[in-house]
Amino acid sequence: MRYFEVIFRKIALLTGLCAGLSGIAVGNSDATRFSENVNLSLRRTADILLRANGDSLSQIPPVKQTDANTFSVQIARLFDYDKLPETLQRSLEAYYIDRPYTVTLLDCQTGEIKLGYQLFDLKQPGGVPCGGRSREESCYTLQIRFEQLAPRPEAANNTWLLLTAGGALAGLGFIAWNRTRNKREPENPPQEAPAGSSRIAMGRSWLDTANQTLFNGESIQTLTFREAKLLALFAKNSNQVLERDVILKSVWEDEGVTVGRSVDVFVSRLRKLLAADPHVKIIAIHGVGYKMEVHS
């Protein structure tokens, strides 16, 4: 018995250490990926604007990052401001960036704000402010500032998952130790979704909406906010056709701009996450939308 207690303590210690390192690694990975995608989006935007103005030779300076949410790039030549909102939005969508943002054009020398708008303005009847007005030839700095996201409980989720894994290993060790004393433990029944309003079952899988976690067979997946929201919508309306407009309104209603392409991208992600469960399948209904088929 003493030997088993020592092994259990070592497992608990290693599990806690791995959980902390995992939380740090996930956070750094997400921030790095976001910065890289914004960098590429701004460079793409600057290139398109300059080419539209007949400039295909000028060098585009490196994108600067002031803080975790603020990025800027200098554009030395005058460009068509009216083309900026749509060009920038399409560039962000190309790199799957869907966070609300504010755009400002600054004078390169003084840092004075010359023009600007928010993502919300794209859907207004009159378009972005100051569109169509004349502008003086000057060097501008295109700056974009994203809204600060509420911290996701990823580190906590990873800690919980690793502690669960450590507990499972300890349990296996305890069973093996008991078997050496000619004792047998009954097999555990298949895992089912615990009762509670935040748990939604589908096929052999279930979704914990409160923690944005998908339990799929023997695997556990941590979902993004949008993935969890879309999967919950499908699960609550299983074996029913959901029109594309209904999906956009239900999942992306809190955003200023929505595009149909977002639905296809997130459905593709959910299909990969559910691939291990043969009883759940998301199919496309041509010209209408999608349907989640759930078989017993």
Protein backbone atom coordinates (compact mmCIF):
# COMPACT_ATOMS: atom_id res chain seq x y z
CA MET A 1 0.00 0.00 0.00
CA ARG A 2 2.87 2.36 0.78
CA TYR A 3 4.31 1.78 -2.69
CA PHE A 4 1.00 2.74 -4.32
CA GLU A 5 0.77 5.98 -2.30
CA VAL A 6 4.22 7.05 -3.50
CA ILE A 7 3.29 6.37 -7.13
CA PHE A 8 0.03 8.33 -6.79
CA ARG A 9 1.84 11.39 -5.37
CA LYS A 10 4.32 11.38 -8.26
CA ILE A 11 1.48 11.21 -10.79
CA ALA A 12 -0.32 14.16 -9.13
CA LEU A 13 2.89 16.25 -9.09
CA LEU A 14 3.69 15.58 -12.76
CA THR A 15 0.08 16.25 -13.77
CA GLY A 16 0.05 19.67 -12.09
CA LEU A 17 3.37 20.63 -13.70
CA CYS A 18 2.19 19.57 -17.16
CA ALA A 19 -1.08 21.48 -16.69
CA GLY A 20 0.73 24.74 -15.96
CA LEU A 21 3.10 24.37 -18.90
CA SER A 22 0.23 23.40 -21.19
CA GLY A 23 -1.80 26.50 -20.29
CA ILE A 24 1.17 28.79 -21.01
CA ALA A 25 1.94 27.05 -24.31
CA VAL A 26 -1.66 27.28 -25.55
CA GLY A 27 -1.94 30.99 -24.69
CA ASN A 28 1.34 31.85 -26.40
CA SER A 29 0.43 29.81 -29.46
CA ASP A 30 -2.92 31.57 -29.93
CA ALA A 31 -1.41 35.05 -29.49
CA THR A 32 1.40 34.30 -31.95
CA ARG A 33 -1.00 32.93 -34.56
CA PHE A 34 -3.27 35.97 -34.21
CA SER A 35 -0.35 38.41 -34.60
CA GLU A 36 0.91 36.61 -37.71
CA ASN A 37 -2.54 36.62 -39.33
CA VAL A 38 -3.08 40.33 -38.65
CA ASN A 39 0.38 41.08 -40.05
CA LEU A 40 -0.42 39.24 -43.27
CA SER A 41 -3.86 40.88 -43.50
CA LEU A 42 -2.43 44.41 -43.24
CA ARG A 43 0.31 43.72 -45.79
CA ARG A 44 -2.27 42.29 -48.19
CA THR A 45 -4.45 45.38 -47.70
CA ALA A 46 -1.57 47.80 -48.30
CA ASP A 47 -0.51 45.92 -51.44
CA ILE A 48 -4.03 45.98 -52.94
CA LEU A 49 -4.51 49.70 -52.20
CA LEU A 50 -1.16 50.66 -53.71
CA ARG A 51 -1.72 48.56 -56.83
CA ALA A 52 -5.17 50.12 -57.28
CA ASN A 53 -3.39 53.48 -57.27
CA GLY A 54 -0.96 52.34 -59.99
CA ASP A 55 1.94 51.62 -57.62
CA SER A 56 3.33 48.10 -57.89
CA LEU A 57 6.95 48.91 -57.02
CA SER A 58 7.04 50.78 -53.71
CA GLN A 59 8.26 48.74 -50.77
CA ILE A 60 5.73 48.11 -48.00
CA PRO A 61 7.36 48.69 -44.58
CA PRO A 62 7.12 46.01 -41.88
CA VAL A 63 3.93 45.88 -39.84
CA LYS A 64 4.43 47.23 -36.32
CA GLN A 65 2.69 45.81 -33.25
CA THR A 66 2.23 48.32 -30.43
CA ASP A 67 0.53 45.92 -28.02
CA ALA A 68 -1.43 42.66 -28.09
CA ASN A 69 -4.33 44.29 -29.96
CA THR A 70 -2.85 47.20 -31.94
CA PHE A 71 -1.08 46.93 -35.31
CA SER A 72 -0.01 49.48 -37.94
CA VAL A 73 1.63 49.76 -41.34
CA GLN A 74 2.91 52.88 -43.10
CA ILE A 75 1.65 53.74 -46.60
CA ALA A 76 3.83 56.46 -48.10
CA ARG A 77 1.59 57.30 -51.07
CA LEU A 78 -1.99 58.57 -51.24
CA PHE A 79 -4.52 55.79 -51.80
CA ASP A 80 -8.27 55.56 -52.37
CA TYR A 81 -9.74 55.72 -48.86
CA ASP A 82 -13.14 54.61 -50.13
CA LYS A 83 -11.66 51.22 -51.03
CA LEU A 84 -10.03 50.70 -47.63
CA PRO A 85 -12.99 49.36 -45.57
CA GLU A 86 -13.98 46.57 -47.96
CA THR A 87 -10.36 45.69 -48.83
CA LEU A 88 -9.33 45.44 -45.17
CA GLN A 89 -12.42 43.44 -44.19
CA ARG A 90 -11.84 40.93 -46.99
CA SER A 91 -8.19 40.58 -45.98
CA LEU A 92 -9.14 39.86 -42.36
CA GLU A 93 -11.73 37.31 -43.47
CA ALA A 94 -9.11 35.61 -45.65
CA TYR A 95 -7.11 34.90 -42.48
CA TYR A 96 -10.17 33.98 -40.35
CA ILE A 97 -10.05 37.07 -38.12
CA ASP A 98 -13.52 37.96 -36.86
CA ARG A 99 -12.89 40.23 -33.88
CA PRO A 100 -14.45 43.76 -33.74
CA TYR A 101 -11.96 46.53 -34.51
CA THR A 102 -11.35 50.28 -34.97
CA VAL A 103 -9.35 51.68 -37.91
CA THR A 104 -7.54 55.05 -37.91
CA LEU A 105 -5.40 56.83 -40.49
CA LEU A 106 -2.61 58.79 -38.80
CA ASP A 107 -0.29 61.44 -40.20
CA CYS A 108 3.16 59.84 -40.40
CA GLN A 109 4.90 62.95 -39.08
CA THR A 110 2.56 64.23 -36.37
CA GLY A 111 0.58 61.13 -35.45
CA GLU A 112 -2.61 63.17 -35.82
CA ILE A 113 -5.77 61.20 -36.67
CA LYS A 114 -6.94 62.13 -40.16
CA LEU A 115 -9.68 59.55 -40.78
CA GLY A 116 -11.15 56.49 -39.12
CA TYR A 117 -14.08 54.17 -38.63
CA GLN A 118 -15.25 51.07 -36.74
CA LEU A 119 -16.34 47.66 -37.99
CA PHE A 120 -19.89 48.63 -37.02
CA ASP A 121 -19.84 51.48 -39.60
CA LEU A 122 -19.61 49.02 -42.51
CA LYS A 123 -23.28 48.13 -42.10
CA GLN A 124 -24.56 51.70 -41.75
CA PRO A 125 -26.62 53.17 -44.63
CA GLY A 126 -24.14 55.97 -45.26
CA GLY A 127 -21.07 53.75 -45.05
CA VAL A 128 -17.93 54.77 -43.17
CA PRO A 129 -17.47 58.42 -42.11
CA CYS A 130 -15.82 60.88 -44.54
CA GLY A 131 -16.11 58.58 -47.54
CA GLY A 132 -15.78 60.38 -50.87
CA ARG A 133 -14.11 63.50 -49.42
CA SER A 134 -10.91 64.85 -50.94
CA ARG A 135 -7.63 64.18 -49.15
CA GLU A 136 -4.24 65.81 -49.38
CA GLU A 137 -1.19 63.99 -50.71
CA SER A 138 0.63 62.72 -47.62
CA CYS A 139 2.17 59.74 -45.87
CA TYR A 140 -0.34 57.82 -43.75
CA THR A 141 -0.07 55.17 -41.08
CA LEU A 142 -2.89 52.62 -41.25
CA GLN A 143 -3.61 51.49 -37.69
CA ILE A 144 -6.06 48.80 -36.55
CA ARG A 145 -6.97 48.18 -32.92
CA PHE A 146 -8.95 45.06 -31.98
CA GLU A 147 -11.29 44.87 -29.02
CA GLN A 148 -9.87 43.10 -25.98
CA LEU A 149 -11.35 39.63 -25.72
CA ALA A 150 -12.49 38.26 -22.39
CA PRO A 151 -9.93 35.66 -21.28
CA ARG A 152 -11.00 32.15 -22.18
CA PRO A 153 -10.74 29.43 -19.53
CA GLU A 154 -8.34 27.45 -21.70
CA ALA A 155 -5.69 27.08 -19.05
CA ALA A 156 -8.30 25.96 -16.54
CA ASN A 157 -9.75 23.54 -19.07
CA ASN A 158 -6.34 22.06 -19.83
CA THR A 159 -5.60 21.75 -16.14
CA TRP A 160 -8.90 19.92 -15.62
CA LEU A 161 -8.19 17.60 -18.52
CA LEU A 162 -4.71 16.75 -17.31
CA LEU A 163 -5.89 16.23 -13.75
CA THR A 164 -8.56 13.90 -15.12
CA ALA A 165 -5.91 12.00 -17.05
CA GLY A 166 -3.75 11.80 -13.95
CA GLY A 167 -6.69 10.52 -11.95
CA ALA A 168 -7.35 7.90 -14.61
CA LEU A 169 -3.74 6.70 -14.45
CA ALA A 170 -3.93 6.55 -10.68
CA GLY A 171 -7.15 4.55 -10.95
CA LEU A 172 -5.54 2.08 -13.35
CA GLY A 173 -2.63 1.68 -10.95
CA PHE A 174 -5.03 1.02 -8.10
CA ILE A 175 -6.87 -1.65 -10.12
CA ALA A 176 -3.59 -3.34 -11.03
CA TRP A 177 -2.48 -3.27 -7.40
CA ASN A 178 -5.76 -4.84 -6.28
CA ARG A 179 -5.48 -7.57 -8.89
CA THR A 180 -2.15 -8.61 -7.39
CA ARG A 181 -4.14 -9.34 -4.22
CA ASN A 182 -6.66 -11.48 -6.17
CA LYS A 183 -9.34 -8.79 -6.12
CA ARG A 184 -11.28 -7.76 -9.20
CA GLU A 185 -13.06 -4.47 -9.76
CA PRO A 186 -16.23 -4.37 -11.91
CA GLU A 187 -15.85 -2.65 -15.25
CA ASN A 188 -17.09 0.93 -15.43
CA PRO A 189 -20.23 1.53 -17.55
CA PRO A 190 -19.89 3.63 -20.73
CA GLN A 191 -19.55 7.35 -20.07
CA GLU A 192 -22.78 9.30 -20.45
CA ALA A 193 -23.48 13.01 -20.40
CA PRO A 194 -24.05 14.16 -16.80
CA ALA A 195 -27.40 15.75 -16.07
CA GLY A 196 -27.41 19.52 -16.31
CA SER A 197 -28.60 22.31 -18.57
CA SER A 198 -25.07 22.90 -19.95
CA ARG A 199 -24.67 19.31 -21.24
CA ILE A 200 -26.03 18.35 -24.67
CA ALA A 201 -25.80 14.75 -25.92
CA MET A 202 -25.53 13.71 -29.57
CA GLY A 203 -24.79 10.17 -30.77
CA ARG A 204 -21.89 8.84 -28.69
CA SER A 205 -20.68 12.39 -27.97
CA TRP A 206 -21.76 15.21 -25.69
CA LEU A 207 -21.05 18.91 -25.46
CA ASP A 208 -20.37 20.85 -22.27
CA THR A 209 -21.47 24.34 -23.34
CA ALA A 210 -20.39 25.99 -20.08
CA ASN A 211 -16.75 24.92 -20.55
CA GLN A 212 -16.79 24.80 -24.39
CA THR A 213 -15.68 21.15 -24.27
CA LEU A 214 -16.60 18.26 -26.59
CA PHE A 215 -16.41 14.71 -25.22
CA ASN A 216 -16.13 12.40 -28.22
CA GLY A 217 -15.54 8.74 -27.40
CA GLU A 218 -12.18 8.64 -25.64
CA SER A 219 -11.10 12.10 -26.82
CA ILE A 220 -11.79 15.48 -25.23
CA GLN A 221 -11.67 18.62 -27.37
CA THR A 222 -11.63 22.25 -26.21
CA LEU A 223 -13.68 24.39 -28.61
CA THR A 224 -13.60 28.09 -29.42
CA PHE A 225 -16.57 30.23 -28.41
CA ARG A 226 -17.95 30.25 -31.97
CA GLU A 227 -17.41 26.49 -32.47
CA ALA A 228 -19.24 25.67 -29.24
CA LYS A 229 -22.11 28.02 -30.10
CA LEU A 230 -22.55 26.52 -33.59
CA LEU A 231 -22.31 22.91 -32.36
CA ALA A 232 -24.91 23.62 -29.65
CA LEU A 233 -27.26 25.02 -32.30
CA PHE A 234 -26.89 21.87 -34.44
CA ALA A 235 -27.27 19.54 -31.43
CA LYS A 236 -30.45 21.26 -30.22
CA ASN A 237 -31.90 20.96 -33.73
CA SER A 238 -30.57 17.52 -34.68
CA ASN A 239 -32.05 15.84 -37.77
CA GLN A 240 -33.54 19.19 -38.80
CA VAL A 241 -32.50 21.40 -41.72
CA LEU A 242 -31.11 24.75 -40.58
CA GLU A 243 -31.13 27.51 -43.18
CA ARG A 244 -27.90 29.45 -43.65
CA ASP A 245 -29.55 32.74 -42.63
CA VAL A 246 -30.85 31.15 -39.42
CA ILE A 247 -27.35 29.88 -38.59
CA LEU A 248 -25.78 33.30 -39.22
CA LYS A 249 -28.39 35.06 -37.09
CA SER A 250 -28.12 32.56 -34.22
CA VAL A 251 -24.32 32.25 -34.07
CA TRP A 252 -22.96 35.54 -35.47
CA GLU A 253 -25.76 37.92 -34.46
CA ASP A 254 -23.50 39.72 -31.94
CA GLU A 255 -21.08 40.86 -34.68
CA GLY A 256 -21.28 43.94 -36.89
CA VAL A 257 -20.57 42.07 -40.14
CA THR A 258 -21.34 38.46 -41.05
CA VAL A 259 -20.38 36.54 -44.17
CA GLY A 260 -21.74 33.25 -45.44
CA ARG A 261 -18.21 31.92 -45.81
CA SER A 262 -17.83 31.87 -42.02
CA VAL A 263 -20.51 29.19 -41.77
CA ASP A 264 -18.71 26.87 -44.20
CA VAL A 265 -15.37 27.32 -42.42
CA PHE A 266 -16.77 26.52 -38.97
CA VAL A 267 -18.86 23.59 -40.24
CA SER A 268 -15.67 22.12 -41.70
CA ARG A 269 -13.99 22.42 -38.28
CA LEU A 270 -16.90 20.71 -36.53
CA ARG A 271 -16.85 17.84 -39.01
CA LYS A 272 -13.22 17.16 -38.14
CA LEU A 273 -13.95 17.31 -34.40
CA LEU A 274 -16.86 14.85 -34.78
CA ALA A 275 -15.09 12.49 -37.20
CA ALA A 276 -14.48 9.89 -34.46
CA ASP A 277 -18.23 9.50 -33.81
CA PRO A 278 -19.90 7.50 -36.63
CA HIS A 279 -23.34 8.30 -35.21
CA VAL A 280 -23.09 12.05 -35.86
CA LYS A 281 -22.73 13.68 -39.27
CA ILE A 282 -23.21 17.25 -40.54
CA ILE A 283 -24.42 17.30 -44.15
CA ALA A 284 -24.90 20.21 -46.55
CA ILE A 285 -28.34 20.85 -48.02
CA HIS A 286 -27.58 22.48 -51.37
CA GLY A 287 -28.89 26.00 -51.64
CA VAL A 288 -30.48 25.88 -48.18
CA GLY A 289 -28.09 25.24 -45.32
CA TYR A 290 -26.96 22.31 -43.15
CA LYS A 291 -28.40 19.43 -41.12
CA MET A 292 -26.85 17.41 -38.30
CA GLU A 293 -27.85 13.77 -38.65
CA VAL A 294 -27.76 11.83 -35.37
CA HIS A 295 -28.24 8.04 -35.39
CA SER A 296 -28.69 5.82 -32.35
